């Protein structure tokens, strides 16, 4: 049983609408529906009467809602109390980050910070963008490391959440080379021979980024999806096997580009540039966080907000 299922269910009970609840929970309606089904399977009874509109709870759903509210409130209150009495991991700073950034950007960045600022304890929680943002909003982490683009923003209240720009990254279309070292396939492809694409899921951040890129280009792009995942590292492994073209963060393929096991499969017009942002909650007054933030604000060449 996942606590998110309870939060989804309570939101649905409040809004009486799958579409509104999905919007408030920042997930797709189909994902919300699957979570509610999973909760019902765990409970062993239908909680939602799907034969009526607006959405209503079944008698079992009404009973379960009351217990779910009390349970969730008690659990969160207990967590807040424990965290106040016992700082997590002896004062370690908790960082929520996307899978790609946690694997390819964070280790080198942390090494450089330790060399200039000094060592400090950290714990990284790798997750998708949505869950990482919720980790910061509900106080489950101290820092949020994420990608950012003006047209695909991570929208947080600037009066409460400050950010620092740590660097940039670029999504690059790549594939395996042929015997001559040239790409086995190259954008934009043709109608008769579309390019086999290793694609991101449409709801993932990178998936939305590629859709935005292609929507802005005047050159038609002819691709067909051969494989789909929301994780760049998985698409990289499939691309290395020669199964097609994938847009991958440059930070994740530096070694492969250097040894030419992967090569660019398109000109720079097919590249998509992203910034790397670090967020914090200004209401979090942890001394270690304040010291680190002050250092980063003064030393980061990309700093956009202190």
C-alpha atoms as a PDB file:
ATOM      1  CA  UNK A   1       0.000   0.000   0.000  1.00  0.00           C
ATOM      2  CA  UNK A   2       1.376   3.392  -1.052  1.00  0.00           C
ATOM      3  CA  UNK A   3       0.581   6.539   0.931  1.00  0.00           C
ATOM      4  CA  UNK A   4       0.101   8.352  -2.378  1.00  0.00           C
ATOM      5  CA  UNK A   5      -2.951   6.156  -2.969  1.00  0.00           C
ATOM      6  CA  UNK A   6      -4.526   7.537   0.218  1.00  0.00           C
ATOM      7  CA  UNK A   7      -3.713  11.111  -0.778  1.00  0.00           C
ATOM      8  CA  UNK A   8      -5.168  10.524  -4.247  1.00  0.00           C
ATOM      9  CA  UNK A   9      -8.318   8.958  -2.801  1.00  0.00           C
ATOM     10  CA  UNK A  10      -8.887  11.805  -0.332  1.00  0.00           C
ATOM     11  CA  UNK A  11      -8.364  14.363  -3.098  1.00  0.00           C
ATOM     12  CA  UNK A  12     -10.900  12.537  -5.285  1.00  0.00           C
ATOM     13  CA  UNK A  13     -13.363  12.391  -2.418  1.00  0.00           C
ATOM     14  CA  UNK A  14     -12.981  16.156  -1.946  1.00  0.00           C
ATOM     15  CA  UNK A  15     -13.199  17.205  -5.613  1.00  0.00           C
ATOM     16  CA  UNK A  16     -15.705  14.539  -6.727  1.00  0.00           C
ATOM     17  CA  UNK A  17     -13.987  14.559 -10.119  1.00  0.00           C
ATOM     18  CA  UNK A  18     -11.254  12.359 -11.544  1.00  0.00           C
ATOM     19  CA  UNK A  19     -10.087  15.131 -13.881  1.00  0.00           C
ATOM     20  CA  UNK A  20      -9.908  17.800 -11.151  1.00  0.00           C
ATOM     21  CA  UNK A  21      -8.245  15.433  -8.700  1.00  0.00           C
ATOM     22  CA  UNK A  22      -5.672  14.422 -11.320  1.00  0.00           C
ATOM     23  CA  UNK A  23      -4.932  18.100 -11.971  1.00  0.00           C
ATOM     24  CA  UNK A  24      -4.483  18.861  -8.278  1.00  0.00           C
ATOM     25  CA  UNK A  25      -2.272  15.780  -7.840  1.00  0.00           C
ATOM     26  CA  UNK A  26      -0.202  16.739 -10.916  1.00  0.00           C
ATOM     27  CA  UNK A  27      -0.690  13.371 -12.597  1.00  0.00           C
ATOM     28  CA  UNK A  28      -2.663  12.128 -15.592  1.00  0.00           C
ATOM     29  CA  UNK A  29      -6.252  11.021 -15.164  1.00  0.00           C
ATOM     30  CA  UNK A  30      -5.353   7.489 -16.235  1.00  0.00           C
ATOM     31  CA  UNK A  31      -2.590   7.338 -13.621  1.00  0.00           C
ATOM     32  CA  UNK A  32      -5.003   8.535 -10.930  1.00  0.00           C
ATOM     33  CA  UNK A  33      -7.546   5.931 -11.981  1.00  0.00           C
ATOM     34  CA  UNK A  34      -4.922   3.172 -11.757  1.00  0.00           C
ATOM     35  CA  UNK A  35      -3.910   4.294  -8.265  1.00  0.00           C
ATOM     36  CA  UNK A  36      -7.515   4.305  -7.076  1.00  0.00           C
ATOM     37  CA  UNK A  37      -7.983   0.819  -8.537  1.00  0.00           C
ATOM     38  CA  UNK A  38      -4.843  -0.320  -6.715  1.00  0.00           C
ATOM     39  CA  UNK A  39      -6.174   1.084  -3.445  1.00  0.00           C
ATOM     40  CA  UNK A  40      -9.511  -0.651  -3.959  1.00  0.00           C
ATOM     41  CA  UNK A  41      -7.679  -3.897  -4.642  1.00  0.00           C
ATOM     42  CA  UNK A  42      -5.717  -3.475  -1.397  1.00  0.00           C
ATOM     43  CA  UNK A  43      -8.881  -2.657   0.602  1.00  0.00           C
ATOM     44  CA  UNK A  44     -10.854  -5.428  -1.049  1.00  0.00           C
ATOM     45  CA  UNK A  45     -13.897  -3.333  -1.951  1.00  0.00           C
ATOM     46  CA  UNK A  46     -15.072  -0.672  -4.412  1.00  0.00           C
ATOM     47  CA  UNK A  47     -14.560   2.747  -2.862  1.00  0.00           C
ATOM     48  CA  UNK A  48     -15.872   4.857  -5.747  1.00  0.00           C
ATOM     49  CA  UNK A  49     -19.275   4.599  -7.415  1.00  0.00           C
ATOM     50  CA  UNK A  50     -18.351   4.981 -11.091  1.00  0.00           C
ATOM     51  CA  UNK A  51     -21.965   4.763 -12.290  1.00  0.00           C
ATOM     52  CA  UNK A  52     -22.772   8.292 -11.124  1.00  0.00           C
ATOM     53  CA  UNK A  53     -21.592  11.821 -11.894  1.00  0.00           C
ATOM     54  CA  UNK A  54     -20.295  13.766 -10.067  1.00  0.00           C
ATOM     55  CA  UNK A  55     -18.141  11.009  -8.666  1.00  0.00           C
ATOM     56  CA  UNK A  56     -19.432   9.677  -5.354  1.00  0.00           C
ATOM     57  CA  UNK A  57     -18.065   7.303  -2.773  1.00  0.00           C
ATOM     58  CA  UNK A  58     -19.644   3.961  -2.045  1.00  0.00           C
ATOM     59  CA  UNK A  59     -20.691   3.218   1.562  1.00  0.00           C
ATOM     60  CA  UNK A  60     -17.354   1.419   1.932  1.00  0.00           C
ATOM     61  CA  UNK A  61     -15.598   4.450   0.473  1.00  0.00           C
ATOM     62  CA  UNK A  62     -17.244   6.807   2.975  1.00  0.00           C
ATOM     63  CA  UNK A  63     -16.210   4.588   5.873  1.00  0.00           C
ATOM     64  CA  UNK A  64     -12.684   4.229   4.559  1.00  0.00           C
ATOM     65  CA  UNK A  65     -12.343   7.987   3.971  1.00  0.00           C
ATOM     66  CA  UNK A  66     -12.880   8.749   7.647  1.00  0.00           C
ATOM     67  CA  UNK A  67     -10.260   6.239   8.739  1.00  0.00           C
ATOM     68  CA  UNK A  68      -7.859   7.307   5.967  1.00  0.00           C
ATOM     69  CA  UNK A  69      -8.034  10.957   7.050  1.00  0.00           C
ATOM     70  CA  UNK A  70      -7.294  10.103  10.666  1.00  0.00           C
ATOM     71  CA  UNK A  71      -4.538   7.656   9.767  1.00  0.00           C
ATOM     72  CA  UNK A  72      -2.780  10.017   7.355  1.00  0.00           C
ATOM     73  CA  UNK A  73      -2.971  12.962   9.760  1.00  0.00           C
ATOM     74  CA  UNK A  74      -1.622  10.865  12.632  1.00  0.00           C
ATOM     75  CA  UNK A  75       1.184   9.481  10.508  1.00  0.00           C
ATOM     76  CA  UNK A  76       2.290  12.915   9.246  1.00  0.00           C
ATOM     77  CA  UNK A  77       2.067  14.392  12.744  1.00  0.00           C
ATOM     78  CA  UNK A  78       4.252  11.571  14.071  1.00  0.00           C
ATOM     79  CA  UNK A  79       6.797  12.118  11.325  1.00  0.00           C
ATOM     80  CA  UNK A  80       6.960  15.847  12.054  1.00  0.00           C
ATOM     81  CA  UNK A  81       7.446  15.151  15.763  1.00  0.00           C
ATOM     82  CA  UNK A  82      10.186  12.589  15.191  1.00  0.00           C
ATOM     83  CA  UNK A  83      12.016  14.805  12.726  1.00  0.00           C
ATOM     84  CA  UNK A  84      11.926  17.653  15.194  1.00  0.00           C
ATOM     85  CA  UNK A  85      13.429  15.493  17.945  1.00  0.00           C
ATOM     86  CA  UNK A  86      15.920  13.546  15.833  1.00  0.00           C
ATOM     87  CA  UNK A  87      17.436  15.302  12.814  1.00  0.00           C
ATOM     88  CA  UNK A  88      17.499  12.845   9.903  1.00  0.00           C
ATOM     89  CA  UNK A  89      20.783  11.014   9.453  1.00  0.00           C
ATOM     90  CA  UNK A  90      22.593  13.176  12.018  1.00  0.00           C
ATOM     91  CA  UNK A  91      22.036  16.466  10.248  1.00  0.00           C
ATOM     92  CA  UNK A  92      22.477  15.241   6.669  1.00  0.00           C
ATOM     93  CA  UNK A  93      20.977  17.359   3.918  1.00  0.00           C
ATOM     94  CA  UNK A  94      18.375  15.461   1.902  1.00  0.00           C
ATOM     95  CA  UNK A  95      18.412  16.076  -1.841  1.00  0.00           C
ATOM     96  CA  UNK A  96      15.565  15.031  -4.136  1.00  0.00           C
ATOM     97  CA  UNK A  97      16.715  14.678  -7.742  1.00  0.00           C
ATOM     98  CA  UNK A  98      15.670  13.155 -11.032  1.00  0.00           C
ATOM     99  CA  UNK A  99      17.288   9.841 -11.929  1.00  0.00           C
ATOM    100  CA  UNK A 100      19.527  11.312 -14.648  1.00  0.00           C
ATOM    101  CA  UNK A 101      20.812  14.174 -12.509  1.00  0.00           C
ATOM    102  CA  UNK A 102      21.387  11.937  -9.482  1.00  0.00           C
ATOM    103  CA  UNK A 103      23.535   9.586 -11.588  1.00  0.00           C
ATOM    104  CA  UNK A 104      25.399  11.915 -13.927  1.00  0.00           C
ATOM    105  CA  UNK A 105      25.477  15.442 -12.499  1.00  0.00           C
ATOM    106  CA  UNK A 106      25.226  15.209  -8.736  1.00  0.00           C
ATOM    107  CA  UNK A 107      28.350  13.100  -7.939  1.00  0.00           C
ATOM    108  CA  UNK A 108      30.764  15.426  -9.775  1.00  0.00           C
ATOM    109  CA  UNK A 109      29.012  18.538  -8.490  1.00  0.00           C
ATOM    110  CA  UNK A 110      29.163  17.261  -4.912  1.00  0.00           C
ATOM    111  CA  UNK A 111      32.865  16.462  -5.285  1.00  0.00           C
ATOM    112  CA  UNK A 112      33.565  20.039  -6.429  1.00  0.00           C
ATOM    113  CA  UNK A 113      31.505  21.518  -3.585  1.00  0.00           C
ATOM    114  CA  UNK A 114      33.345  19.391  -1.022  1.00  0.00           C
ATOM    115  CA  UNK A 115      36.646  20.636  -2.452  1.00  0.00           C
ATOM    116  CA  UNK A 116      35.685  24.326  -2.137  1.00  0.00           C
ATOM    117  CA  UNK A 117      33.055  24.546   0.605  1.00  0.00           C
ATOM    118  CA  UNK A 118      34.069  21.567   2.723  1.00  0.00           C
ATOM    119  CA  UNK A 119      32.499  18.195   3.352  1.00  0.00           C
ATOM    120  CA  UNK A 120      28.933  17.785   4.596  1.00  0.00           C
ATOM    121  CA  UNK A 121      26.597  14.825   4.908  1.00  0.00           C
ATOM    122  CA  UNK A 122      24.071  14.252   2.177  1.00  0.00           C
ATOM    123  CA  UNK A 123      21.441  11.747   1.201  1.00  0.00           C
ATOM    124  CA  UNK A 124      20.026  11.639  -2.331  1.00  0.00           C
ATOM    125  CA  UNK A 125      16.544  10.373  -3.163  1.00  0.00           C
ATOM    126  CA  UNK A 126      16.209   9.688  -6.904  1.00  0.00           C
ATOM    127  CA  UNK A 127      12.698   9.971  -8.306  1.00  0.00           C
ATOM    128  CA  UNK A 128      10.664  11.423 -11.166  1.00  0.00           C
ATOM    129  CA  UNK A 129      10.111  15.168 -11.446  1.00  0.00           C
ATOM    130  CA  UNK A 130       6.617  15.150  -9.956  1.00  0.00           C
ATOM    131  CA  UNK A 131       7.557  13.160  -6.874  1.00  0.00           C
ATOM    132  CA  UNK A 132      10.779  15.135  -6.380  1.00  0.00           C
ATOM    133  CA  UNK A 133       8.844  18.403  -6.308  1.00  0.00           C
ATOM    134  CA  UNK A 134       6.392  16.958  -3.783  1.00  0.00           C
ATOM    135  CA  UNK A 135       9.343  15.883  -1.620  1.00  0.00           C
ATOM    136  CA  UNK A 136      10.359  19.562  -1.339  1.00  0.00           C
ATOM    137  CA  UNK A 137       6.833  20.910  -0.925  1.00  0.00           C
ATOM    138  CA  UNK A 138       5.880  18.532   1.882  1.00  0.00           C
ATOM    139  CA  UNK A 139       9.194  19.033   3.694  1.00  0.00           C
ATOM    140  CA  UNK A 140      10.602  15.582   3.003  1.00  0.00           C
ATOM    141  CA  UNK A 141      13.846  16.979   1.569  1.00  0.00           C
ATOM    142  CA  UNK A 142      16.040  20.053   1.935  1.00  0.00           C
ATOM    143  CA  UNK A 143      17.026  20.581  -1.697  1.00  0.00           C
ATOM    144  CA  UNK A 144      15.461  19.839  -5.074  1.00  0.00           C
ATOM    145  CA  UNK A 145      17.774  19.271  -8.045  1.00  0.00           C
ATOM    146  CA  UNK A 146      15.967  19.385 -11.369  1.00  0.00           C
ATOM    147  CA  UNK A 147      16.033  20.415 -15.009  1.00  0.00           C
ATOM    148  CA  UNK A 148      14.365  23.668 -15.983  1.00  0.00           C
ATOM    149  CA  UNK A 149      13.274  25.318 -19.223  1.00  0.00           C
ATOM    150  CA  UNK A 150      11.301  28.566 -19.670  1.00  0.00           C
ATOM    151  CA  UNK A 151       8.536  26.749 -21.546  1.00  0.00           C
ATOM    152  CA  UNK A 152       8.583  23.683 -19.275  1.00  0.00           C
ATOM    153  CA  UNK A 153       8.972  25.325 -15.882  1.00  0.00           C
ATOM    154  CA  UNK A 154       8.966  23.777 -12.437  1.00  0.00           C
ATOM    155  CA  UNK A 155       6.559  26.303 -10.963  1.00  0.00           C
ATOM    156  CA  UNK A 156       7.075  27.050  -7.280  1.00  0.00           C
ATOM    157  CA  UNK A 157       6.123  30.161  -5.307  1.00  0.00           C
ATOM    158  CA  UNK A 158       9.197  32.462  -5.599  1.00  0.00           C
ATOM    159  CA  UNK A 159       8.335  34.111  -2.279  1.00  0.00           C
ATOM    160  CA  UNK A 160       8.852  30.779  -0.532  1.00  0.00           C
ATOM    161  CA  UNK A 161      11.180  28.771  -2.761  1.00  0.00           C
ATOM    162  CA  UNK A 162      14.529  30.198  -3.855  1.00  0.00           C
ATOM    163  CA  UNK A 163      16.619  28.739  -6.640  1.00  0.00           C
ATOM    164  CA  UNK A 164      20.163  28.766  -7.945  1.00  0.00           C
ATOM    165  CA  UNK A 165      21.186  27.876 -11.502  1.00  0.00           C
ATOM    166  CA  UNK A 166      24.011  25.329 -11.254  1.00  0.00           C
ATOM    167  CA  UNK A 167      24.703  24.697 -14.931  1.00  0.00           C
ATOM    168  CA  UNK A 168      23.288  23.527 -18.233  1.00  0.00           C
ATOM    169  CA  UNK A 169      22.737  20.274 -20.092  1.00  0.00           C
ATOM    170  CA  UNK A 170      21.616  19.442 -23.626  1.00  0.00           C
ATOM    171  CA  UNK A 171      19.421  16.699 -25.030  1.00  0.00           C
ATOM    172  CA  UNK A 172      21.237  15.367 -28.106  1.00  0.00           C
ATOM    173  CA  UNK A 173      19.945  12.854 -30.675  1.00  0.00           C
ATOM    174  CA  UNK A 174      22.452   9.983 -30.840  1.00  0.00           C
ATOM    175  CA  UNK A 175      22.778   6.492 -32.291  1.00  0.00           C
ATOM    176  CA  UNK A 176      25.488   3.913 -32.923  1.00  0.00           C
ATOM    177  CA  UNK A 177      27.981   4.564 -35.755  1.00  0.00           C
ATOM    178  CA  UNK A 178      28.565   2.527 -38.896  1.00  0.00           C
ATOM    179  CA  UNK A 179      31.956   1.106 -39.952  1.00  0.00           C
ATOM    180  CA  UNK A 180      33.049   4.526 -41.209  1.00  0.00           C
ATOM    181  CA  UNK A 181      32.185   6.210 -37.890  1.00  0.00           C
ATOM    182  CA  UNK A 182      29.129   8.001 -39.290  1.00  0.00           C
ATOM    183  CA  UNK A 183      25.686   7.714 -37.654  1.00  0.00           C
ATOM    184  CA  UNK A 184      23.676   4.669 -38.668  1.00  0.00           C
ATOM    185  CA  UNK A 185      20.669   6.953 -38.997  1.00  0.00           C
ATOM    186  CA  UNK A 186      20.239  10.688 -39.139  1.00  0.00           C
ATOM    187  CA  UNK A 187      17.468  13.204 -38.650  1.00  0.00           C
ATOM    188  CA  UNK A 188      15.044  14.173 -40.055  1.00  0.00           C
ATOM    189  CA  UNK A 189      14.349  10.843 -41.787  1.00  0.00           C
ATOM    190  CA  UNK A 190      11.804  10.440 -44.568  1.00  0.00           C
ATOM    191  CA  UNK A 191       8.166   9.359 -44.925  1.00  0.00           C
ATOM    192  CA  UNK A 192       9.259   6.244 -46.779  1.00  0.00           C
ATOM    193  CA  UNK A 193      11.986   5.445 -44.280  1.00  0.00           C
ATOM    194  CA  UNK A 194      11.180   6.894 -40.842  1.00  0.00           C
ATOM    195  CA  UNK A 195      13.803   6.738 -38.140  1.00  0.00           C
ATOM    196  CA  UNK A 196      13.406   4.152 -35.407  1.00  0.00           C
ATOM    197  CA  UNK A 197      13.139   6.186 -32.203  1.00  0.00           C
ATOM    198  CA  UNK A 198      13.817   5.144 -28.632  1.00  0.00           C
ATOM    199  CA  UNK A 199      11.347   7.539 -27.070  1.00  0.00           C
ATOM    200  CA  UNK A 200      10.460   8.929 -23.666  1.00  0.00           C
ATOM    201  CA  UNK A 201       6.934   8.524 -22.365  1.00  0.00           C
ATOM    202  CA  UNK A 202       4.783  11.529 -23.234  1.00  0.00           C
ATOM    203  CA  UNK A 203       4.198  12.452 -19.582  1.00  0.00           C
ATOM    204  CA  UNK A 204       7.898  12.448 -18.636  1.00  0.00           C
ATOM    205  CA  UNK A 205       9.851  15.714 -18.512  1.00  0.00           C
ATOM    206  CA  UNK A 206      12.195  14.687 -21.337  1.00  0.00           C
ATOM    207  CA  UNK A 207       9.223  13.464 -23.373  1.00  0.00           C
ATOM    208  CA  UNK A 208       7.592  16.876 -23.090  1.00  0.00           C
ATOM    209  CA  UNK A 209      10.918  18.525 -23.934  1.00  0.00           C
ATOM    210  CA  UNK A 210      11.315  16.583 -27.177  1.00  0.00           C
ATOM    211  CA  UNK A 211       7.700  17.280 -28.147  1.00  0.00           C
ATOM    212  CA  UNK A 212       8.345  20.989 -27.584  1.00  0.00           C
ATOM    213  CA  UNK A 213      11.533  20.867 -29.658  1.00  0.00           C
ATOM    214  CA  UNK A 214       9.850  19.167 -32.611  1.00  0.00           C
ATOM    215  CA  UNK A 215       6.849  21.517 -32.475  1.00  0.00           C
ATOM    216  CA  UNK A 216       9.132  24.533 -32.959  1.00  0.00           C
ATOM    217  CA  UNK A 217      11.129  23.196 -35.924  1.00  0.00           C
ATOM    218  CA  UNK A 218      10.119  23.972 -39.484  1.00  0.00           C
ATOM    219  CA  UNK A 219      11.757  20.765 -40.705  1.00  0.00           C
ATOM    220  CA  UNK A 220       9.376  17.773 -40.548  1.00  0.00           C
ATOM    221  CA  UNK A 221      10.690  14.910 -38.434  1.00  0.00           C
ATOM    222  CA  UNK A 222       9.863  11.384 -39.538  1.00  0.00           C
ATOM    223  CA  UNK A 223      10.268   8.943 -36.656  1.00  0.00           C
ATOM    224  CA  UNK A 224       8.459   5.864 -35.409  1.00  0.00           C
ATOM    225  CA  UNK A 225       8.627   4.745 -31.795  1.00  0.00           C
ATOM    226  CA  UNK A 226      10.331   1.386 -31.387  1.00  0.00           C
ATOM    227  CA  UNK A 227      10.862   1.451 -27.607  1.00  0.00           C
ATOM    228  CA  UNK A 228       9.577   3.719 -24.848  1.00  0.00           C
ATOM    229  CA  UNK A 229      10.690   4.492 -21.310  1.00  0.00           C
ATOM    230  CA  UNK A 230      10.723   7.440 -18.906  1.00  0.00           C
ATOM    231  CA  UNK A 231      14.361   6.767 -17.919  1.00  0.00           C
ATOM    232  CA  UNK A 232      17.260   8.131 -19.985  1.00  0.00           C
ATOM    233  CA  UNK A 233      19.692   5.515 -18.675  1.00  0.00           C
ATOM    234  CA  UNK A 234      17.514   2.705 -19.983  1.00  0.00           C
ATOM    235  CA  UNK A 235      17.165   4.357 -23.385  1.00  0.00           C
ATOM    236  CA  UNK A 236      20.943   4.758 -23.493  1.00  0.00           C
ATOM    237  CA  UNK A 237      21.460   1.040 -22.974  1.00  0.00           C
ATOM    238  CA  UNK A 238      18.996   0.235 -25.763  1.00  0.00           C
ATOM    239  CA  UNK A 239      20.662   2.788 -28.056  1.00  0.00           C
ATOM    240  CA  UNK A 240      24.083   1.230 -27.400  1.00  0.00           C
ATOM    241  CA  UNK A 241      22.670  -2.075 -28.640  1.00  0.00           C
ATOM    242  CA  UNK A 242      21.977  -0.381 -31.974  1.00  0.00           C
ATOM    243  CA  UNK A 243      18.183  -0.387 -31.816  1.00  0.00           C
ATOM    244  CA  UNK A 244      17.671   3.217 -32.887  1.00  0.00           C
ATOM    245  CA  UNK A 245      17.999   6.903 -32.131  1.00  0.00           C
ATOM    246  CA  UNK A 246      17.518   8.442 -28.696  1.00  0.00           C
ATOM    247  CA  UNK A 247      17.660  11.999 -27.381  1.00  0.00           C
ATOM    248  CA  UNK A 248      19.959  11.718 -24.379  1.00  0.00           C
ATOM    249  CA  UNK A 249      21.369  14.304 -21.925  1.00  0.00           C
ATOM    250  CA  UNK A 250      24.934  15.133 -22.909  1.00  0.00           C
ATOM    251  CA  UNK A 251      25.991  14.706 -19.274  1.00  0.00           C
ATOM    252  CA  UNK A 252      24.982  11.046 -19.453  1.00  0.00           C
ATOM    253  CA  UNK A 253      26.900  10.179 -22.640  1.00  0.00           C
ATOM    254  CA  UNK A 254      30.227  12.017 -22.340  1.00  0.00           C
ATOM    255  CA  UNK A 255      32.164   8.737 -22.263  1.00  0.00           C
ATOM    256  CA  UNK A 256      30.199   7.261 -25.165  1.00  0.00           C
ATOM    257  CA  UNK A 257      30.707  10.376 -27.302  1.00  0.00           C
ATOM    258  CA  UNK A 258      34.428  10.372 -26.542  1.00  0.00           C
ATOM    259  CA  UNK A 259      34.946   6.725 -27.515  1.00  0.00           C
ATOM    260  CA  UNK A 260      32.387   7.027 -30.344  1.00  0.00           C
ATOM    261  CA  UNK A 261      30.191   4.156 -29.258  1.00  0.00           C
ATOM    262  CA  UNK A 262      27.413   6.741 -29.721  1.00  0.00           C
ATOM    263  CA  UNK A 263      27.556   9.600 -32.235  1.00  0.00           C
ATOM    264  CA  UNK A 264      25.317  12.623 -32.902  1.00  0.00           C
ATOM    265  CA  UNK A 265      22.487  11.797 -35.273  1.00  0.00           C
ATOM    266  CA  UNK A 266      21.479  15.339 -36.171  1.00  0.00           C
ATOM    267  CA  UNK A 267      22.688  18.941 -36.444  1.00  0.00           C
ATOM    268  CA  UNK A 268      22.437  21.418 -33.578  1.00  0.00           C
ATOM    269  CA  UNK A 269      18.897  22.399 -34.603  1.00  0.00           C
ATOM    270  CA  UNK A 270      17.845  19.053 -33.129  1.00  0.00           C
ATOM    271  CA  UNK A 271      19.474  19.838 -29.760  1.00  0.00           C
ATOM    272  CA  UNK A 272      17.441  20.982 -26.749  1.00  0.00           C
ATOM    273  CA  UNK A 273      19.194  23.008 -24.065  1.00  0.00           C
ATOM    274  CA  UNK A 274      18.151  22.794 -20.413  1.00  0.00           C
ATOM    275  CA  UNK A 275      19.285  24.509 -17.247  1.00  0.00           C
ATOM    276  CA  UNK A 276      19.989  22.680 -13.999  1.00  0.00           C
ATOM    277  CA  UNK A 277      18.354  24.330 -10.988  1.00  0.00           C
ATOM    278  CA  UNK A 278      18.634  23.798  -7.258  1.00  0.00           C
ATOM    279  CA  UNK A 279      15.597  24.775  -5.150  1.00  0.00           C
ATOM    280  CA  UNK A 280      15.213  25.263  -1.413  1.00  0.00           C
ATOM    281  CA  UNK A 281      12.351  26.153   0.902  1.00  0.00           C
ATOM    282  CA  UNK A 282      13.120  29.501   2.598  1.00  0.00           C
ATOM    283  CA  UNK A 283      11.083  28.377   5.613  1.00  0.00           C
ATOM    284  CA  UNK A 284      13.583  25.571   6.198  1.00  0.00           C
ATOM    285  CA  UNK A 285      16.000  27.138   8.675  1.00  0.00           C
ATOM    286  CA  UNK A 286      18.390  24.218   9.040  1.00  0.00           C
ATOM    287  CA  UNK A 287      21.829  25.822   9.768  1.00  0.00           C
ATOM    288  CA  UNK A 288      23.727  23.473   7.452  1.00  0.00           C
ATOM    289  CA  UNK A 289      21.349  24.343   4.625  1.00  0.00           C
ATOM    290  CA  UNK A 290      21.727  28.094   5.209  1.00  0.00           C
ATOM    291  CA  UNK A 291      25.526  27.867   5.174  1.00  0.00           C
ATOM    292  CA  UNK A 292      25.593  25.851   1.975  1.00  0.00           C
ATOM    293  CA  UNK A 293      23.038  28.080   0.278  1.00  0.00           C
ATOM    294  CA  UNK A 294      24.949  31.249   1.119  1.00  0.00           C
ATOM    295  CA  UNK A 295      28.105  29.709  -0.324  1.00  0.00           C
ATOM    296  CA  UNK A 296      26.373  28.590  -3.513  1.00  0.00           C
ATOM    297  CA  UNK A 297      24.648  31.948  -3.967  1.00  0.00           C
ATOM    298  CA  UNK A 298      27.984  33.735  -3.893  1.00  0.00           C
ATOM    299  CA  UNK A 299      30.035  31.268  -5.911  1.00  0.00           C
ATOM    300  CA  UNK A 300      27.766  29.954  -8.660  1.00  0.00           C
ATOM    301  CA  UNK A 301      28.519  31.681 -12.005  1.00  0.00           C
ATOM    302  CA  UNK A 302      25.014  30.821 -13.215  1.00  0.00           C
ATOM    303  CA  UNK A 303      23.250  32.168 -10.141  1.00  0.00           C
ATOM    304  CA  UNK A 304      19.864  33.620 -11.018  1.00  0.00           C
ATOM    305  CA  UNK A 305      18.255  33.993  -7.606  1.00  0.00           C
ATOM    306  CA  UNK A 306      19.596  34.229  -4.095  1.00  0.00           C
END
